[in-house]
Amino acid sequence: MSGIEPRRLYTPREAAQLLNYSERTLRRWRAEDTGPRWTRYGPALRYGYFGIDLLAWLNEGRRP
């Protein structure tokens, strides 16, 4: 999928839009330890997704 910058850190909202899934689905996948790899960042420990991880997940065809 073009348009995903590999080095960029995407918010859950941005990642959901890029993957065409809801934020709720991404939240469920994090809880179930499935879906694209995610990271926590910042003093508030927010969730995010690096573009390279979104691309890898899409290329692997790892969809639920």
PDB file of N, CA and C in Angstrom:
ATOM      1  N   MET A   1       0.852  -1.170   0.000  1.00  0.00           N
ATOM      2  CA  MET A   1       0.000   0.000   0.000  1.00  0.00           C
ATOM      3  C   MET A   1       0.898   1.233   0.000  1.00  0.00           C
ATOM      4  N   SER A   2       0.815   2.022  -1.008  1.00  0.00           N
ATOM      5  CA  SER A   2       1.614   3.234  -1.058  1.00  0.00           C
ATOM      6  C   SER A   2       0.972   4.293  -0.177  1.00  0.00           C
ATOM      7  N   GLY A   3       1.766   5.279   0.198  1.00  0.00           N
ATOM      8  CA  GLY A   3       1.262   6.319   1.067  1.00  0.00           C
ATOM      9  C   GLY A   3       1.633   6.106   2.514  1.00  0.00           C
ATOM     10  N   ILE A   4       2.112   4.936   2.862  1.00  0.00           N
ATOM     11  CA  ILE A   4       2.564   4.673   4.223  1.00  0.00           C
ATOM     12  C   ILE A   4       4.060   4.953   4.265  1.00  0.00           C
ATOM     13  N   GLU A   5       4.457   5.885   5.121  1.00  0.00           N
ATOM     14  CA  GLU A   5       5.865   6.219   5.276  1.00  0.00           C
ATOM     15  C   GLU A   5       6.481   5.281   6.309  1.00  0.00           C
ATOM     16  N   PRO A   6       7.467   4.477   5.918  1.00  0.00           N
ATOM     17  CA  PRO A   6       8.026   3.463   6.817  1.00  0.00           C
ATOM     18  C   PRO A   6       8.567   3.997   8.142  1.00  0.00           C
ATOM     19  N   ARG A   7       9.152   5.170   8.151  1.00  0.00           N
ATOM     20  CA  ARG A   7       9.772   5.684   9.381  1.00  0.00           C
ATOM     21  C   ARG A   7       8.831   6.496  10.255  1.00  0.00           C
ATOM     22  N   ARG A   8       7.643   6.726   9.793  1.00  0.00           N
ATOM     23  CA  ARG A   8       6.691   7.545  10.542  1.00  0.00           C
ATOM     24  C   ARG A   8       5.969   6.725  11.604  1.00  0.00           C
ATOM     25  N   LEU A   9       5.694   7.364  12.732  1.00  0.00           N
ATOM     26  CA  LEU A   9       4.895   6.756  13.791  1.00  0.00           C
ATOM     27  C   LEU A   9       3.465   7.257  13.635  1.00  0.00           C
ATOM     28  N   TYR A  10       2.539   6.346  13.419  1.00  0.00           N
ATOM     29  CA  TYR A  10       1.138   6.687  13.198  1.00  0.00           C
ATOM     30  C   TYR A  10       0.331   6.487  14.476  1.00  0.00           C
ATOM     31  N   THR A  11      -0.641   7.366  14.673  1.00  0.00           N
ATOM     32  CA  THR A  11      -1.569   7.199  15.785  1.00  0.00           C
ATOM     33  C   THR A  11      -2.506   6.036  15.448  1.00  0.00           C
ATOM     34  N   PRO A  12      -3.196   5.494  16.446  1.00  0.00           N
ATOM     35  CA  PRO A  12      -4.171   4.439  16.144  1.00  0.00           C
ATOM     36  C   PRO A  12      -5.228   4.886  15.141  1.00  0.00           C
ATOM     37  N   ARG A  13      -5.655   6.136  15.224  1.00  0.00           N
ATOM     38  CA  ARG A  13      -6.662   6.647  14.281  1.00  0.00           C
ATOM     39  C   ARG A  13      -6.107   6.643  12.857  1.00  0.00           C
ATOM     40  N   GLU A  14      -4.882   7.129  12.689  1.00  0.00           N
ATOM     41  CA  GLU A  14      -4.267   7.165  11.359  1.00  0.00           C
ATOM     42  C   GLU A  14      -4.030   5.753  10.824  1.00  0.00           C
ATOM     43  N   ALA A  15      -3.548   4.867  11.693  1.00  0.00           N
ATOM     44  CA  ALA A  15      -3.296   3.488  11.273  1.00  0.00           C
ATOM     45  C   ALA A  15      -4.595   2.804  10.853  1.00  0.00           C
ATOM     46  N   ALA A  16      -5.650   3.027  11.615  1.00  0.00           N
ATOM     47  CA  ALA A  16      -6.949   2.430  11.285  1.00  0.00           C
ATOM     48  C   ALA A  16      -7.422   2.899   9.913  1.00  0.00           C
ATOM     49  N   GLN A  17      -7.259   4.183   9.633  1.00  0.00           N
ATOM     50  CA  GLN A  17      -7.663   4.709   8.332  1.00  0.00           C
ATOM     51  C   GLN A  17      -6.826   4.104   7.213  1.00  0.00           C
ATOM     52  N   LEU A  18      -5.532   3.979   7.427  1.00  0.00           N
ATOM     53  CA  LEU A  18      -4.653   3.416   6.402  1.00  0.00           C
ATOM     54  C   LEU A  18      -4.968   1.944   6.120  1.00  0.00           C
ATOM     55  N   LEU A  19      -5.328   1.215   7.176  1.00  0.00           N
ATOM     56  CA  LEU A  19      -5.607  -0.216   7.035  1.00  0.00           C
ATOM     57  C   LEU A  19      -7.067  -0.503   6.698  1.00  0.00           C
ATOM     58  N   ASN A  20      -7.898   0.528   6.771  1.00  0.00           N
ATOM     59  CA  ASN A  20      -9.327   0.394   6.497  1.00  0.00           C
ATOM     60  C   ASN A  20     -10.029  -0.493   7.542  1.00  0.00           C
ATOM     61  N   TYR A  21      -9.628  -0.304   8.791  1.00  0.00           N
ATOM     62  CA  TYR A  21     -10.263  -0.957   9.939  1.00  0.00           C
ATOM     63  C   TYR A  21     -10.610   0.137  10.937  1.00  0.00           C
ATOM     64  N   SER A  22     -11.410  -0.191  11.928  1.00  0.00           N
ATOM     65  CA  SER A  22     -11.773   0.798  12.938  1.00  0.00           C
ATOM     66  C   SER A  22     -10.711   0.839  14.045  1.00  0.00           C
ATOM     67  N   GLU A  23     -10.691   1.942  14.782  1.00  0.00           N
ATOM     68  CA  GLU A  23      -9.795   2.050  15.935  1.00  0.00           C
ATOM     69  C   GLU A  23     -10.142   0.978  16.968  1.00  0.00           C
ATOM     70  N   ARG A  24     -11.410   0.677  17.073  1.00  0.00           N
ATOM     71  CA  ARG A  24     -11.851  -0.357  18.014  1.00  0.00           C
ATOM     72  C   ARG A  24     -11.249  -1.716  17.658  1.00  0.00           C
ATOM     73  N   THR A  25     -11.174  -2.007  16.358  1.00  0.00           N
ATOM     74  CA  THR A  25     -10.571  -3.266  15.917  1.00  0.00           C
ATOM     75  C   THR A  25      -9.092  -3.297  16.285  1.00  0.00           C
ATOM     76  N   LEU A  26      -8.381  -2.194  16.060  1.00  0.00           N
ATOM     77  CA  LEU A  26      -6.962  -2.149  16.434  1.00  0.00           C
ATOM     78  C   LEU A  26      -6.791  -2.336  17.938  1.00  0.00           C
ATOM     79  N   ARG A  27      -7.664  -1.729  18.721  1.00  0.00           N
ATOM     80  CA  ARG A  27      -7.605  -1.872  20.183  1.00  0.00           C
ATOM     81  C   ARG A  27      -7.816  -3.335  20.576  1.00  0.00           C
ATOM     82  N   ARG A  28      -8.779  -3.991  19.933  1.00  0.00           N
ATOM     83  CA  ARG A  28      -9.033  -5.408  20.226  1.00  0.00           C
ATOM     84  C   ARG A  28      -7.838  -6.260  19.841  1.00  0.00           C
ATOM     85  N   TRP A  29      -7.233  -5.967  18.672  1.00  0.00           N
ATOM     86  CA  TRP A  29      -6.066  -6.721  18.238  1.00  0.00           C
ATOM     87  C   TRP A  29      -4.905  -6.567  19.222  1.00  0.00           C
ATOM     88  N   ARG A  30      -4.728  -5.358  19.770  1.00  0.00           N
ATOM     89  CA  ARG A  30      -3.662  -5.169  20.762  1.00  0.00           C
ATOM     90  C   ARG A  30      -3.927  -6.046  21.972  1.00  0.00           C
ATOM     91  N   ALA A  31      -5.166  -6.092  22.428  1.00  0.00           N
ATOM     92  CA  ALA A  31      -5.534  -6.901  23.589  1.00  0.00           C
ATOM     93  C   ALA A  31      -5.349  -8.395  23.317  1.00  0.00           C
ATOM     94  N   GLU A  32      -5.593  -8.802  22.080  1.00  0.00           N
ATOM     95  CA  GLU A  32      -5.468 -10.217  21.697  1.00  0.00           C
ATOM     96  C   GLU A  32      -4.073 -10.563  21.197  1.00  0.00           C
ATOM     97  N   ASP A  33      -3.182  -9.582  21.162  1.00  0.00           N
ATOM     98  CA  ASP A  33      -1.814  -9.754  20.671  1.00  0.00           C
ATOM     99  C   ASP A  33      -1.795 -10.277  19.241  1.00  0.00           C
ATOM    100  N   THR A  34      -2.574  -9.643  18.400  1.00  0.00           N
ATOM    101  CA  THR A  34      -2.625  -9.963  16.982  1.00  0.00           C
ATOM    102  C   THR A  34      -2.597  -8.653  16.201  1.00  0.00           C
ATOM    103  N   GLY A  35      -2.711  -8.716  14.902  1.00  0.00           N
ATOM    104  CA  GLY A  35      -2.679  -7.494  14.094  1.00  0.00           C
ATOM    105  C   GLY A  35      -1.264  -6.972  13.938  1.00  0.00           C
ATOM    106  N   PRO A  36      -1.122  -5.758  13.415  1.00  0.00           N
ATOM    107  CA  PRO A  36       0.213  -5.196  13.206  1.00  0.00           C
ATOM    108  C   PRO A  36       0.910  -4.897  14.537  1.00  0.00           C
ATOM    109  N   ARG A  37       2.232  -4.961  14.504  1.00  0.00           N
ATOM    110  CA  ARG A  37       3.027  -4.669  15.695  1.00  0.00           C
ATOM    111  C   ARG A  37       2.808  -3.215  16.103  1.00  0.00           C
ATOM    112  N   TRP A  38       2.714  -2.972  17.404  1.00  0.00           N
ATOM    113  CA  TRP A  38       2.483  -1.631  17.917  1.00  0.00           C
ATOM    114  C   TRP A  38       3.560  -1.292  18.935  1.00  0.00           C
ATOM    115  N   THR A  39       3.603  -0.039  19.303  1.00  0.00           N
ATOM    116  CA  THR A  39       4.572   0.415  20.292  1.00  0.00           C
ATOM    117  C   THR A  39       3.898   1.405  21.227  1.00  0.00           C
ATOM    118  N   ARG A  40       4.490   1.591  22.391  1.00  0.00           N
ATOM    119  CA  ARG A  40       4.023   2.620  23.327  1.00  0.00           C
ATOM    120  C   ARG A  40       5.088   3.690  23.384  1.00  0.00           C
ATOM    121  N   TYR A  41       4.673   4.934  23.472  1.00  0.00           N
ATOM    122  CA  TYR A  41       5.628   6.033  23.448  1.00  0.00           C
ATOM    123  C   TYR A  41       5.151   7.204  24.291  1.00  0.00           C
ATOM    124  N   GLY A  42       6.081   8.060  24.625  1.00  0.00           N
ATOM    125  CA  GLY A  42       5.778   9.304  25.322  1.00  0.00           C
ATOM    126  C   GLY A  42       5.526   9.121  26.799  1.00  0.00           C
ATOM    127  N   PRO A  43       5.473  10.241  27.526  1.00  0.00           N
ATOM    128  CA  PRO A  43       5.264  10.179  28.971  1.00  0.00           C
ATOM    129  C   PRO A  43       3.893   9.605  29.349  1.00  0.00           C
ATOM    130  N   ALA A  44       2.917   9.739  28.467  1.00  0.00           N
ATOM    131  CA  ALA A  44       1.581   9.201  28.748  1.00  0.00           C
ATOM    132  C   ALA A  44       1.443   7.763  28.238  1.00  0.00           C
ATOM    133  N   LEU A  45       2.519   7.214  27.671  1.00  0.00           N
ATOM    134  CA  LEU A  45       2.528   5.849  27.119  1.00  0.00           C
ATOM    135  C   LEU A  45       1.374   5.613  26.158  1.00  0.00           C
ATOM    136  N   ARG A  46       1.317   6.433  25.152  1.00  0.00           N
ATOM    137  CA  ARG A  46       0.305   6.274  24.104  1.00  0.00           C
ATOM    138  C   ARG A  46       0.710   5.142  23.167  1.00  0.00           C
ATOM    139  N   TYR A  47      -0.275   4.620  22.450  1.00  0.00           N
ATOM    140  CA  TYR A  47      -0.026   3.570  21.473  1.00  0.00           C
ATOM    141  C   TYR A  47       0.227   4.178  20.105  1.00  0.00           C
ATOM    142  N   GLY A  48       1.077   3.532  19.327  1.00  0.00           N
ATOM    143  CA  GLY A  48       1.345   3.980  17.971  1.00  0.00           C
ATOM    144  C   GLY A  48       1.823   2.823  17.117  1.00  0.00           C
ATOM    145  N   TYR A  49       1.871   3.069  15.832  1.00  0.00           N
ATOM    146  CA  TYR A  49       2.261   2.058  14.851  1.00  0.00           C
ATOM    147  C   TYR A  49       3.280   2.664  13.897  1.00  0.00           C
ATOM    148  N   PHE A  50       4.462   2.066  13.810  1.00  0.00           N
ATOM    149  CA  PHE A  50       5.433   2.524  12.822  1.00  0.00           C
ATOM    150  C   PHE A  50       4.994   2.058  11.445  1.00  0.00           C
ATOM    151  N   GLY A  51       5.210   2.893  10.455  1.00  0.00           N
ATOM    152  CA  GLY A  51       4.841   2.569   9.088  1.00  0.00           C
ATOM    153  C   GLY A  51       5.436   1.261   8.612  1.00  0.00           C
ATOM    154  N   ILE A  52       6.692   1.004   8.985  1.00  0.00           N
ATOM    155  CA  ILE A  52       7.359  -0.235   8.552  1.00  0.00           C
ATOM    156  C   ILE A  52       6.610  -1.459   9.073  1.00  0.00           C
ATOM    157  N   ASP A  53       6.050  -1.367  10.280  1.00  0.00           N
ATOM    158  CA  ASP A  53       5.291  -2.490  10.845  1.00  0.00           C
ATOM    159  C   ASP A  53       3.943  -2.661  10.150  1.00  0.00           C
ATOM    160  N   LEU A  54       3.315  -1.553   9.768  1.00  0.00           N
ATOM    161  CA  LEU A  54       2.059  -1.639   9.013  1.00  0.00           C
ATOM    162  C   LEU A  54       2.307  -2.278   7.650  1.00  0.00           C
ATOM    163  N   LEU A  55       3.380  -1.842   6.994  1.00  0.00           N
ATOM    164  CA  LEU A  55       3.715  -2.408   5.682  1.00  0.00           C
ATOM    165  C   LEU A  55       4.043  -3.890   5.776  1.00  0.00           C
ATOM    166  N   ALA A  56       4.801  -4.277   6.796  1.00  0.00           N
ATOM    167  CA  ALA A  56       5.148  -5.688   6.972  1.00  0.00           C
ATOM    168  C   ALA A  56       3.898  -6.528   7.189  1.00  0.00           C
ATOM    169  N   TRP A  57       2.991  -6.031   8.007  1.00  0.00           N
ATOM    170  CA  TRP A  57       1.755  -6.761   8.283  1.00  0.00           C
ATOM    171  C   TRP A  57       0.921  -6.919   7.020  1.00  0.00           C
ATOM    172  N   LEU A  58       0.839  -5.849   6.219  1.00  0.00           N
ATOM    173  CA  LEU A  58       0.086  -5.921   4.977  1.00  0.00           C
ATOM    174  C   LEU A  58       0.744  -6.883   3.987  1.00  0.00           C
ATOM    175  N   ASN A  59       2.067  -6.839   3.896  1.00  0.00           N
ATOM    176  CA  ASN A  59       2.787  -7.714   2.959  1.00  0.00           C
ATOM    177  C   ASN A  59       2.702  -9.175   3.344  1.00  0.00           C
ATOM    178  N   GLU A  60       2.605  -9.456   4.636  1.00  0.00           N
ATOM    179  CA  GLU A  60       2.482 -10.840   5.091  1.00  0.00           C
ATOM    180  C   GLU A  60       1.084 -11.385   4.866  1.00  0.00           C
ATOM    181  N   GLY A  61       0.150 -10.485   4.607  1.00  0.00           N
ATOM    182  CA  GLY A  61      -1.230 -10.935   4.411  1.00  0.00           C
ATOM    183  C   GLY A  61      -1.843 -11.423   5.692  1.00  0.00           C
ATOM    184  N   ARG A  62      -1.339 -10.937   6.824  1.00  0.00           N
ATOM    185  CA  ARG A  62      -1.813 -11.395   8.115  1.00  0.00           C
ATOM    186  C   ARG A  62      -3.040 -10.620   8.552  1.00  0.00           C
ATOM    187  N   ARG A  63      -4.125 -10.971   7.966  1.00  0.00           N
ATOM    188  CA  ARG A  63      -5.388 -10.347   8.347  1.00  0.00           C
ATOM    189  C   ARG A  63      -6.233 -11.373   9.097  1.00  0.00           C
ATOM    190  N   PRO A  64      -6.960 -10.916  10.107  1.00  0.00           N
ATOM    191  CA  PRO A  64      -7.776 -11.883  10.880  1.00  0.00           C
ATOM    192  C   PRO A  64      -8.892 -12.479  10.063  1.00  0.00           C
TER     193      PRO A  64
END
